[in-house]
Protein backbone atom coordinates (compact mmCIF):
# COMPACT_ATOMS: atom_id res chain seq x y z
CA MET A 1 18.88 -10.13 -17.82
CA ALA A 2 20.13 -12.13 -14.85
CA LYS A 3 17.69 -13.59 -12.35
CA ILE A 4 18.98 -11.34 -9.58
CA ASP A 5 18.34 -8.25 -11.74
CA LYS A 6 14.72 -9.32 -12.26
CA ILE A 7 14.30 -9.79 -8.51
CA LYS A 8 15.78 -6.38 -7.82
CA GLU A 9 13.48 -4.78 -10.39
CA THR A 10 10.48 -6.49 -8.79
CA LEU A 11 11.62 -5.19 -5.39
CA ASN A 12 11.84 -1.63 -6.71
CA THR A 13 8.37 -1.87 -8.20
CA LEU A 14 6.95 -3.23 -4.96
CA ARG A 15 8.58 -0.41 -3.01
CA VAL A 16 6.95 2.15 -5.32
CA LEU A 17 3.57 0.48 -4.87
CA LEU A 18 4.11 0.50 -1.12
CA SER A 19 4.83 4.23 -1.16
CA LEU A 20 1.74 4.92 -3.30
CA SER A 21 -0.44 2.85 -0.99
CA ILE A 22 0.78 4.76 2.08
CA GLY A 23 0.20 8.05 0.29
CA LEU A 24 -3.35 7.02 -0.58
CA ILE A 25 -4.00 6.03 3.04
CA LEU A 26 -2.79 9.42 4.23
CA GLY A 27 -4.99 11.24 1.73
CA LEU A 28 -8.05 9.18 2.52
CA SER A 29 -7.47 9.59 6.27
CA ALA A 30 -7.39 13.35 5.83
CA LYS A 31 -10.67 13.20 3.89
CA VAL A 32 -12.30 10.99 6.51
CA SER A 33 -11.18 13.34 9.24
CA ASP A 34 -12.56 16.32 7.33
CA LEU A 35 -15.89 14.63 6.73
CA TYR A 36 -16.07 13.57 10.39
CA ASP A 37 -15.46 17.13 11.56
CA LYS A 38 -18.28 18.34 9.32
CA ASN A 39 -20.63 15.56 10.53
CA MET A 40 -21.08 14.40 6.97
CA PHE A 41 -21.51 10.67 7.24
CA ASP A 42 -22.41 10.06 3.64
CA LEU A 43 -21.31 7.49 1.06
CA ARG A 44 -17.88 9.09 0.60
CA PHE A 45 -17.15 8.73 4.27
CA TYR A 46 -17.93 5.01 4.37
CA LEU A 47 -16.26 4.26 1.05
CA SER A 48 -13.13 6.01 2.28
CA LEU A 49 -13.11 3.89 5.43
CA ILE A 50 -13.51 0.72 3.35
CA ALA A 51 -10.72 1.85 1.02
CA ILE A 52 -8.38 2.52 3.92
CA ASN A 53 -8.98 -0.99 5.29
CA PHE A 54 -8.42 -2.47 1.85
CA LEU A 55 -5.16 -0.52 1.43
CA VAL A 56 -3.91 -1.80 4.77
CA LEU A 57 -4.40 -5.34 3.46
CA VAL A 58 -2.60 -4.38 0.24
CA ILE A 59 0.32 -3.05 2.26
CA LEU A 60 0.55 -6.29 4.21
CA TYR A 61 0.56 -8.27 0.95
CA ILE A 62 3.24 -6.03 -0.55
CA ALA A 63 5.37 -6.35 2.56
CA LYS A 64 5.10 -10.14 2.35
CA LYS A 65 6.16 -10.08 -1.32
CA ILE A 66 9.10 -7.83 -0.50
CA LYS A 67 10.23 -10.28 2.18
CA VAL A 68 9.98 -13.21 -0.23
CA ASN A 69 11.99 -11.37 -2.87
CA THR A 70 14.59 -10.30 -0.34
CA ASP A 71 14.97 -13.91 0.74
CA ASN A 72 15.42 -14.87 -2.91
CA ILE A 73 18.24 -12.37 -3.27
CA GLU A 74 20.00 -13.87 -0.25
CA LYS A 75 19.78 -17.31 -1.89
CA GLU A 76 21.40 -16.03 -5.11
């Protein structure tokens, strides 16, 4: 497999992970909103908020990796 094919495969994998992370954030945001409306500030509420913040950091990391891999394709 050529080096450019490996980079493209890595980019596709990162894009899938990015989509999954965004989907998880949307789902967790809906759950936090539901718990907030019900005034249920329990462990699930706070863990969901922590998870959303963690996923935002994951998205930033994935975006950085996508940029690096895109730059590598331009060099090839």
